[in-house]
Amino acid sequence: MSDVTRSALRGSVPALAALRLAFAALLAVRPGEARLVGARELALGLGTLDAWRRGAPLSGWVGAMAVADGSDALAFSVDAWRDPEGRRRALVLAAFAASGLVAEGLTAAALRRAGD
């Protein structure tokens, strides 16, 4: 993989981290379990930005984002199965989380292939 491609991949990572931080801010003011998810989002976002700033490997951080989104997709899918009244909302959230899983998983794999 060329240095230009590796640089472009690394350059895309702050946007993923910024999205995590935006979710953390939204969830911080919500009651209950949402605050726990917000804390997770904050840790992933800040850790990723710190690694990017230092020039440290990013694939592990981006992979952790994918794992978090994968677990969210699974949890929302279970909610959709258990709660027919909230099924539509749960399926939309599951699809959103699954899109993060795919995007971050592919980015983490590309970073690993690039030697990051």
N, C-alpha and C. Protein backbone atom coordinates (compact mmCIF):
# COMPACT_ATOMS: atom_id res chain seq x y z
N MET A 1 0.86 -1.17 0.00
CA MET A 1 0.00 0.00 0.00
C MET A 1 0.90 1.23 0.00
N SER A 2 0.54 2.21 -0.80
CA SER A 2 1.37 3.40 -0.92
C SER A 2 1.27 4.29 0.32
N ASP A 3 2.27 5.14 0.47
CA ASP A 3 2.26 6.09 1.58
C ASP A 3 1.08 7.06 1.47
N VAL A 4 0.68 7.38 0.24
CA VAL A 4 -0.45 8.29 0.04
C VAL A 4 -1.74 7.63 0.54
N THR A 5 -1.93 6.36 0.22
CA THR A 5 -3.12 5.64 0.67
C THR A 5 -3.12 5.51 2.20
N ARG A 6 -1.96 5.18 2.76
CA ARG A 6 -1.86 5.07 4.22
C ARG A 6 -2.17 6.41 4.87
N SER A 7 -1.65 7.48 4.30
CA SER A 7 -1.91 8.82 4.84
C SER A 7 -3.40 9.17 4.74
N ALA A 8 -4.03 8.81 3.62
CA ALA A 8 -5.46 9.09 3.46
C ALA A 8 -6.28 8.30 4.48
N LEU A 9 -5.91 7.05 4.71
CA LEU A 9 -6.61 6.24 5.71
C LEU A 9 -6.48 6.87 7.09
N ARG A 10 -5.26 7.22 7.46
CA ARG A 10 -5.04 7.84 8.77
C ARG A 10 -5.79 9.17 8.85
N GLY A 11 -5.87 9.89 7.74
CA GLY A 11 -6.57 11.17 7.72
C GLY A 11 -8.06 11.05 7.91
N SER A 12 -8.63 9.89 7.62
CA SER A 12 -10.08 9.70 7.79
C SER A 12 -10.46 9.38 9.23
N VAL A 13 -9.51 8.96 10.01
CA VAL A 13 -9.80 8.49 11.37
C VAL A 13 -10.31 9.60 12.30
N PRO A 14 -9.78 10.83 12.24
CA PRO A 14 -10.33 11.86 13.14
C PRO A 14 -11.83 12.09 12.97
N ALA A 15 -12.35 11.90 11.76
CA ALA A 15 -13.80 12.04 11.56
C ALA A 15 -14.56 10.97 12.32
N LEU A 16 -14.03 9.74 12.34
CA LEU A 16 -14.67 8.67 13.11
C LEU A 16 -14.64 9.01 14.60
N ALA A 17 -13.51 9.52 15.07
CA ALA A 17 -13.39 9.89 16.48
C ALA A 17 -14.31 11.05 16.82
N ALA A 18 -14.41 12.03 15.94
CA ALA A 18 -15.29 13.19 16.19
C ALA A 18 -16.75 12.75 16.28
N LEU A 19 -17.13 11.80 15.46
CA LEU A 19 -18.50 11.27 15.52
C LEU A 19 -18.75 10.61 16.88
N ARG A 20 -17.78 9.86 17.36
CA ARG A 20 -17.89 9.25 18.69
C ARG A 20 -18.06 10.32 19.77
N LEU A 21 -17.28 11.38 19.67
CA LEU A 21 -17.36 12.44 20.68
C LEU A 21 -18.70 13.16 20.61
N ALA A 22 -19.25 13.32 19.41
CA ALA A 22 -20.58 13.93 19.28
C ALA A 22 -21.64 13.06 19.96
N PHE A 23 -21.55 11.74 19.74
CA PHE A 23 -22.49 10.84 20.41
C PHE A 23 -22.31 10.90 21.92
N ALA A 24 -21.08 10.98 22.38
CA ALA A 24 -20.81 11.06 23.82
C ALA A 24 -21.48 12.30 24.41
N ALA A 25 -21.39 13.42 23.70
CA ALA A 25 -22.02 14.65 24.19
C ALA A 25 -23.53 14.53 24.24
N LEU A 26 -24.12 13.90 23.22
CA LEU A 26 -25.57 13.71 23.21
C LEU A 26 -26.04 12.78 24.32
N LEU A 27 -25.27 11.74 24.58
CA LEU A 27 -25.68 10.74 25.55
C LEU A 27 -25.40 11.16 26.99
N ALA A 28 -24.48 12.09 27.17
CA ALA A 28 -24.11 12.51 28.53
C ALA A 28 -25.27 13.12 29.29
N VAL A 29 -26.22 13.69 28.59
CA VAL A 29 -27.35 14.34 29.24
C VAL A 29 -28.57 13.43 29.36
N ARG A 30 -28.45 12.20 28.89
CA ARG A 30 -29.57 11.26 28.95
C ARG A 30 -29.52 10.46 30.24
N PRO A 31 -30.64 9.99 30.70
CA PRO A 31 -30.66 9.21 31.94
C PRO A 31 -30.24 7.76 31.73
N GLY A 32 -29.92 7.11 32.81
CA GLY A 32 -29.72 5.67 32.84
C GLY A 32 -28.54 5.16 32.05
N GLU A 33 -28.80 4.04 31.33
CA GLU A 33 -27.74 3.35 30.61
C GLU A 33 -27.11 4.19 29.51
N ALA A 34 -27.83 5.16 29.02
CA ALA A 34 -27.29 6.00 27.95
C ALA A 34 -26.00 6.68 28.40
N ARG A 35 -25.90 7.01 29.68
CA ARG A 35 -24.67 7.64 30.17
C ARG A 35 -23.50 6.68 30.09
N LEU A 36 -23.75 5.40 30.32
CA LEU A 36 -22.68 4.41 30.21
C LEU A 36 -22.18 4.32 28.77
N VAL A 37 -23.11 4.31 27.85
CA VAL A 37 -22.74 4.27 26.43
C VAL A 37 -21.98 5.55 26.08
N GLY A 38 -22.42 6.68 26.63
CA GLY A 38 -21.72 7.94 26.39
C GLY A 38 -20.29 7.90 26.90
N ALA A 39 -20.08 7.27 28.04
CA ALA A 39 -18.72 7.14 28.58
C ALA A 39 -17.86 6.28 27.67
N ARG A 40 -18.46 5.21 27.14
CA ARG A 40 -17.72 4.36 26.19
C ARG A 40 -17.35 5.14 24.93
N GLU A 41 -18.31 5.90 24.42
CA GLU A 41 -18.06 6.69 23.22
C GLU A 41 -16.96 7.73 23.47
N LEU A 42 -16.99 8.35 24.64
CA LEU A 42 -15.98 9.33 25.01
C LEU A 42 -14.60 8.68 25.04
N ALA A 43 -14.49 7.52 25.67
CA ALA A 43 -13.21 6.82 25.76
C ALA A 43 -12.68 6.44 24.38
N LEU A 44 -13.55 5.91 23.53
CA LEU A 44 -13.13 5.52 22.19
C LEU A 44 -12.70 6.75 21.36
N GLY A 45 -13.49 7.81 21.45
CA GLY A 45 -13.17 9.01 20.68
C GLY A 45 -11.87 9.66 21.12
N LEU A 46 -11.72 9.86 22.43
CA LEU A 46 -10.50 10.50 22.93
C LEU A 46 -9.27 9.63 22.74
N GLY A 47 -9.41 8.33 22.97
CA GLY A 47 -8.28 7.42 22.76
C GLY A 47 -7.82 7.40 21.31
N THR A 48 -8.78 7.38 20.40
CA THR A 48 -8.45 7.36 18.98
C THR A 48 -7.77 8.67 18.56
N LEU A 49 -8.32 9.79 19.00
CA LEU A 49 -7.70 11.08 18.67
C LEU A 49 -6.30 11.20 19.26
N ASP A 50 -6.11 10.71 20.47
CA ASP A 50 -4.78 10.77 21.08
C ASP A 50 -3.78 9.92 20.29
N ALA A 51 -4.18 8.71 19.90
CA ALA A 51 -3.30 7.86 19.11
C ALA A 51 -2.99 8.51 17.77
N TRP A 52 -3.97 9.11 17.13
CA TRP A 52 -3.77 9.78 15.84
C TRP A 52 -2.79 10.95 16.00
N ARG A 53 -2.99 11.74 17.06
CA ARG A 53 -2.13 12.91 17.30
C ARG A 53 -0.68 12.49 17.52
N ARG A 54 -0.46 11.39 18.22
CA ARG A 54 0.88 10.92 18.53
C ARG A 54 1.50 10.13 17.38
N GLY A 55 0.71 9.82 16.36
CA GLY A 55 1.23 9.00 15.26
C GLY A 55 1.30 7.52 15.62
N ALA A 56 0.58 7.13 16.66
CA ALA A 56 0.56 5.73 17.11
C ALA A 56 -0.37 4.91 16.21
N PRO A 57 -0.26 3.60 16.25
CA PRO A 57 -1.16 2.75 15.45
C PRO A 57 -2.63 3.02 15.78
N LEU A 58 -3.45 3.01 14.75
CA LEU A 58 -4.87 3.32 14.89
C LEU A 58 -5.79 2.13 14.70
N SER A 59 -5.28 1.07 14.08
CA SER A 59 -6.16 -0.05 13.73
C SER A 59 -6.83 -0.65 14.95
N GLY A 60 -6.15 -0.72 16.08
CA GLY A 60 -6.76 -1.27 17.29
C GLY A 60 -7.91 -0.42 17.80
N TRP A 61 -7.71 0.90 17.78
CA TRP A 61 -8.77 1.81 18.23
C TRP A 61 -9.98 1.75 17.31
N VAL A 62 -9.72 1.75 16.00
CA VAL A 62 -10.83 1.69 15.05
C VAL A 62 -11.51 0.33 15.12
N GLY A 63 -10.74 -0.72 15.34
CA GLY A 63 -11.32 -2.05 15.54
C GLY A 63 -12.20 -2.09 16.79
N ALA A 64 -11.78 -1.41 17.85
CA ALA A 64 -12.60 -1.35 19.07
C ALA A 64 -13.91 -0.62 18.81
N MET A 65 -13.88 0.40 17.96
CA MET A 65 -15.12 1.08 17.58
C MET A 65 -16.06 0.10 16.87
N ALA A 66 -15.48 -0.73 15.98
CA ALA A 66 -16.29 -1.71 15.25
C ALA A 66 -16.91 -2.72 16.21
N VAL A 67 -16.15 -3.18 17.19
CA VAL A 67 -16.67 -4.13 18.17
C VAL A 67 -17.82 -3.50 18.96
N ALA A 68 -17.64 -2.24 19.37
CA ALA A 68 -18.70 -1.55 20.13
C ALA A 68 -19.97 -1.43 19.29
N ASP A 69 -19.81 -1.06 18.02
CA ASP A 69 -20.98 -0.94 17.16
C ASP A 69 -21.61 -2.30 16.87
N GLY A 70 -20.79 -3.33 16.75
CA GLY A 70 -21.33 -4.67 16.55
C GLY A 70 -22.16 -5.13 17.74
N SER A 71 -21.67 -4.84 18.94
CA SER A 71 -22.45 -5.23 20.13
C SER A 71 -23.74 -4.42 20.22
N ASP A 72 -23.69 -3.16 19.81
CA ASP A 72 -24.91 -2.35 19.79
C ASP A 72 -25.92 -2.91 18.78
N ALA A 73 -25.43 -3.28 17.60
CA ALA A 73 -26.32 -3.84 16.57
C ALA A 73 -26.99 -5.11 17.08
N LEU A 74 -26.23 -5.95 17.76
CA LEU A 74 -26.80 -7.17 18.32
C LEU A 74 -27.84 -6.85 19.39
N ALA A 75 -27.51 -5.93 20.28
CA ALA A 75 -28.45 -5.58 21.37
C ALA A 75 -29.74 -4.99 20.82
N PHE A 76 -29.64 -4.12 19.83
CA PHE A 76 -30.85 -3.53 19.25
C PHE A 76 -31.66 -4.57 18.50
N SER A 77 -30.99 -5.52 17.87
CA SER A 77 -31.71 -6.59 17.17
C SER A 77 -32.49 -7.45 18.15
N VAL A 78 -31.89 -7.74 19.28
CA VAL A 78 -32.59 -8.51 20.33
C VAL A 78 -33.78 -7.71 20.84
N ASP A 79 -33.60 -6.41 21.04
CA ASP A 79 -34.71 -5.56 21.47
C ASP A 79 -35.85 -5.61 20.46
N ALA A 80 -35.53 -5.58 19.18
CA ALA A 80 -36.56 -5.61 18.14
C ALA A 80 -37.33 -6.92 18.19
N TRP A 81 -36.66 -7.99 18.48
CA TRP A 81 -37.29 -9.30 18.56
C TRP A 81 -38.20 -9.39 19.79
N ARG A 82 -37.76 -8.81 20.90
CA ARG A 82 -38.50 -8.91 22.17
C ARG A 82 -39.66 -7.93 22.29
N ASP A 83 -39.56 -6.78 21.65
CA ASP A 83 -40.54 -5.71 21.85
C ASP A 83 -41.20 -5.32 20.53
N PRO A 84 -42.33 -5.94 20.19
CA PRO A 84 -42.98 -5.62 18.92
C PRO A 84 -43.38 -4.14 18.80
N GLU A 85 -43.70 -3.49 19.91
CA GLU A 85 -44.11 -2.09 19.85
C GLU A 85 -42.95 -1.16 19.50
N GLY A 86 -41.76 -1.50 19.93
CA GLY A 86 -40.59 -0.67 19.64
C GLY A 86 -39.73 -1.24 18.54
N ARG A 87 -40.29 -2.18 17.78
CA ARG A 87 -39.50 -2.90 16.77
C ARG A 87 -38.90 -1.98 15.70
N ARG A 88 -39.70 -1.07 15.17
CA ARG A 88 -39.21 -0.20 14.09
C ARG A 88 -38.01 0.62 14.56
N ARG A 89 -38.14 1.24 15.73
CA ARG A 89 -37.05 2.07 16.26
C ARG A 89 -35.81 1.21 16.50
N ALA A 90 -35.98 0.03 17.09
CA ALA A 90 -34.85 -0.85 17.38
C ALA A 90 -34.17 -1.32 16.10
N LEU A 91 -34.94 -1.60 15.06
CA LEU A 91 -34.35 -2.04 13.79
C LEU A 91 -33.58 -0.91 13.11
N VAL A 92 -34.09 0.31 13.20
CA VAL A 92 -33.37 1.45 12.64
C VAL A 92 -32.04 1.64 13.37
N LEU A 93 -32.08 1.57 14.69
CA LEU A 93 -30.85 1.71 15.48
C LEU A 93 -29.88 0.55 15.21
N ALA A 94 -30.42 -0.65 15.04
CA ALA A 94 -29.56 -1.80 14.72
C ALA A 94 -28.88 -1.61 13.36
N ALA A 95 -29.63 -1.11 12.39
CA ALA A 95 -29.05 -0.86 11.06
C ALA A 95 -27.98 0.23 11.12
N PHE A 96 -28.24 1.26 11.90
CA PHE A 96 -27.26 2.34 12.05
C PHE A 96 -25.98 1.80 12.70
N ALA A 97 -26.13 1.01 13.75
CA ALA A 97 -24.96 0.44 14.41
C ALA A 97 -24.22 -0.52 13.49
N ALA A 98 -24.96 -1.31 12.72
CA ALA A 98 -24.33 -2.24 11.78
C ALA A 98 -23.54 -1.50 10.71
N SER A 99 -24.03 -0.33 10.30
CA SER A 99 -23.28 0.44 9.29
C SER A 99 -21.95 0.91 9.88
N GLY A 100 -21.94 1.26 11.16
CA GLY A 100 -20.69 1.62 11.82
C GLY A 100 -19.75 0.43 11.91
N LEU A 101 -20.31 -0.73 12.25
CA LEU A 101 -19.51 -1.95 12.31
C LEU A 101 -18.80 -2.20 10.99
N VAL A 102 -19.53 -2.10 9.88
CA VAL A 102 -18.95 -2.37 8.57
C VAL A 102 -17.90 -1.31 8.22
N ALA A 103 -18.24 -0.03 8.37
CA ALA A 103 -17.31 1.04 8.00
C ALA A 103 -16.03 0.98 8.83
N GLU A 104 -16.19 0.82 10.14
CA GLU A 104 -15.02 0.80 11.00
C GLU A 104 -14.23 -0.49 10.86
N GLY A 105 -14.93 -1.59 10.65
CA GLY A 105 -14.24 -2.86 10.43
C GLY A 105 -13.39 -2.83 9.18
N LEU A 106 -13.94 -2.30 8.10
CA LEU A 106 -13.17 -2.19 6.85
C LEU A 106 -12.01 -1.22 7.00
N THR A 107 -12.23 -0.11 7.71
CA THR A 107 -11.16 0.85 7.93
C THR A 107 -10.05 0.24 8.77
N ALA A 108 -10.41 -0.47 9.84
CA ALA A 108 -9.39 -1.13 10.68
C ALA A 108 -8.60 -2.15 9.88
N ALA A 109 -9.27 -2.93 9.05
CA ALA A 109 -8.57 -3.93 8.23
C ALA A 109 -7.63 -3.25 7.24
N ALA A 110 -8.07 -2.17 6.63
CA ALA A 110 -7.22 -1.45 5.67
C ALA A 110 -6.01 -0.83 6.39
N LEU A 111 -6.23 -0.31 7.58
CA LEU A 111 -5.11 0.24 8.35
C LEU A 111 -4.11 -0.86 8.68
N ARG A 112 -4.59 -2.03 9.06
CA ARG A 112 -3.68 -3.14 9.36
C ARG A 112 -2.87 -3.54 8.13
N ARG A 113 -3.55 -3.62 6.98
CA ARG A 113 -2.85 -3.96 5.73
C ARG A 113 -1.82 -2.91 5.37
N ALA A 114 -2.10 -1.66 5.75
CA ALA A 114 -1.17 -0.56 5.45
C ALA A 114 -0.01 -0.52 6.45
N GLY A 115 -0.05 -1.41 7.41
CA GLY A 115 1.03 -1.45 8.39
C GLY A 115 0.85 -0.50 9.54
N ASP A 116 -0.38 -0.08 9.78
CA ASP A 116 -0.64 0.87 10.86
C ASP A 116 -1.14 0.14 12.08
